[in-house]
Amino acid sequence: MSDYRLRVVKFVHTVVWAFFASCVVGILVDAFQKRFALAGILIGFVTLESVVLLVNAWRCPLTGVAARYTEDRRDNFDIYLPLWLARYNKEIFGSLFVAGIVWTLIGWLQSRAT
């Protein structure tokens, strides 16, 4: 039964991760296409996720749930991601998120100046 529960948690965690990873990429795409309102909405979603992570010592709350069902503690024990991506997820998507914010802000300011 715990194996089934772990698979469910990993699946849900992966879906949530995919949503937020898509938001981060979407910020960059929307900023490039000058859709600043949509980029701002996505920035809001990812900021909310960041607050949740911050409150949980930079861990997804689903990691704690998954930990109940396994002794495994590899970087991807709680999500269906390759080990390297799970290990460097925050660095990769955090950098892209900051770049997206900067790109959105610069583009928005330039659009207001013209």
Protein backbone atom coordinates (compact mmCIF):
# COMPACT_ATOMS: atom_id res chain seq x y z
CA MET A 1 0.00 0.00 0.00
CA SER A 2 2.80 2.45 0.81
CA ASP A 3 4.32 1.83 -2.64
CA TYR A 4 1.03 2.89 -4.21
CA ARG A 5 0.86 5.98 -1.99
CA LEU A 6 4.43 6.92 -2.87
CA ARG A 7 3.64 6.64 -6.58
CA VAL A 8 0.59 8.88 -6.13
CA VAL A 9 2.62 11.50 -4.24
CA LYS A 10 5.39 11.36 -6.86
CA PHE A 11 2.84 11.75 -9.65
CA VAL A 12 1.13 14.73 -7.99
CA HIS A 13 4.52 16.29 -7.18
CA THR A 14 5.61 15.88 -10.81
CA VAL A 15 2.40 17.49 -12.11
CA VAL A 16 2.81 20.43 -9.72
CA TRP A 17 6.49 20.75 -10.70
CA ALA A 18 5.57 20.69 -14.41
CA PHE A 19 3.02 23.47 -13.86
CA PHE A 20 5.52 25.74 -12.13
CA ALA A 21 8.37 24.88 -14.52
CA SER A 22 6.01 25.79 -17.37
CA CYS A 23 5.20 29.06 -15.62
CA VAL A 24 8.91 29.91 -15.38
CA VAL A 25 9.47 29.19 -19.07
CA GLY A 26 6.23 31.00 -19.89
CA ILE A 27 7.49 34.14 -18.17
CA LEU A 28 10.45 34.25 -20.55
CA VAL A 29 8.28 33.56 -23.60
CA ASP A 30 5.66 36.12 -22.61
CA ALA A 31 8.28 38.77 -21.88
CA PHE A 32 9.89 38.13 -25.28
CA GLN A 33 6.49 38.47 -26.95
CA LYS A 34 5.70 41.62 -24.94
CA ARG A 35 2.78 40.04 -23.09
CA PHE A 36 3.73 41.69 -19.83
CA ALA A 37 0.38 41.24 -18.06
CA LEU A 38 0.49 37.48 -18.58
CA ALA A 39 4.16 37.39 -17.55
CA GLY A 40 3.18 39.27 -14.40
CA ILE A 41 0.47 36.73 -13.57
CA LEU A 42 2.96 33.89 -14.01
CA ILE A 43 5.49 35.76 -11.86
CA GLY A 44 2.80 35.94 -9.18
CA PHE A 45 2.19 32.17 -9.32
CA VAL A 46 5.88 31.36 -9.04
CA THR A 47 6.36 33.92 -6.29
CA LEU A 48 3.55 32.25 -4.33
CA GLU A 49 5.25 28.88 -4.83
CA SER A 50 8.53 30.42 -3.65
CA VAL A 51 6.88 31.64 -0.46
CA VAL A 52 5.54 28.12 0.19
CA LEU A 53 9.05 26.72 -0.30
CA LEU A 54 10.58 29.41 1.91
CA VAL A 55 8.15 28.67 4.73
CA ASN A 56 9.07 24.96 4.42
CA ALA A 57 12.86 25.47 4.60
CA TRP A 58 13.14 25.41 0.78
CA ARG A 59 11.48 22.00 0.49
CA CYS A 60 8.22 21.18 -1.21
CA PRO A 61 5.61 20.06 1.33
CA LEU A 62 5.07 16.96 -0.82
CA THR A 63 8.64 15.87 -0.08
CA GLY A 64 7.68 15.35 3.56
CA VAL A 65 4.60 13.40 2.53
CA ALA A 66 6.63 11.14 0.22
CA ALA A 67 9.22 10.59 2.97
CA ARG A 68 6.57 8.76 5.01
CA TYR A 69 6.43 6.01 2.41
CA THR A 70 10.09 5.27 1.70
CA GLU A 71 13.54 5.28 3.26
CA ASP A 72 15.05 6.42 -0.06
CA ARG A 73 16.47 9.95 0.13
CA ARG A 74 17.98 10.42 -3.30
CA ASP A 75 17.25 13.83 -4.78
CA ASN A 76 14.44 12.39 -6.89
CA PHE A 77 12.87 9.97 -4.38
CA ASP A 78 9.74 12.12 -4.25
CA ILE A 79 9.28 13.11 -7.91
CA TYR A 80 9.50 11.59 -11.38
CA LEU A 81 12.47 13.61 -12.61
CA PRO A 82 15.94 12.53 -13.67
CA LEU A 83 18.34 12.64 -10.73
CA TRP A 84 20.43 15.49 -12.20
CA LEU A 85 17.33 17.66 -12.75
CA ALA A 86 15.93 16.98 -9.29
CA ARG A 87 19.34 17.78 -7.79
CA TYR A 88 19.75 21.12 -9.60
CA ASN A 89 16.08 22.05 -10.00
CA LYS A 90 16.16 25.14 -7.76
CA GLU A 91 19.36 26.45 -9.31
CA ILE A 92 18.12 25.97 -12.88
CA PHE A 93 14.59 27.26 -12.49
CA GLY A 94 15.51 29.86 -9.90
CA SER A 95 17.99 31.40 -12.35
CA LEU A 96 15.45 31.28 -15.17
CA PHE A 97 12.84 32.84 -12.89
CA VAL A 98 15.11 35.75 -11.95
CA ALA A 99 16.05 36.20 -15.62
CA GLY A 100 12.35 36.21 -16.53
CA ILE A 101 11.56 38.86 -13.92
CA VAL A 102 14.42 41.05 -15.13
CA TRP A 103 13.51 40.58 -18.79
CA THR A 104 9.85 41.32 -18.07
CA LEU A 105 10.67 44.43 -16.07
CA ILE A 106 13.09 45.79 -18.68
CA GLY A 107 10.66 45.10 -21.52
CA TRP A 108 7.74 46.62 -19.65
CA LEU A 109 9.73 49.75 -18.78
CA GLN A 110 10.87 50.10 -22.39
CA SER A 111 7.31 49.70 -23.67
CA ARG A 112 6.11 52.47 -21.35
CA ALA A 113 8.89 54.81 -22.51
CA THR A 114 7.80 54.66 -26.14
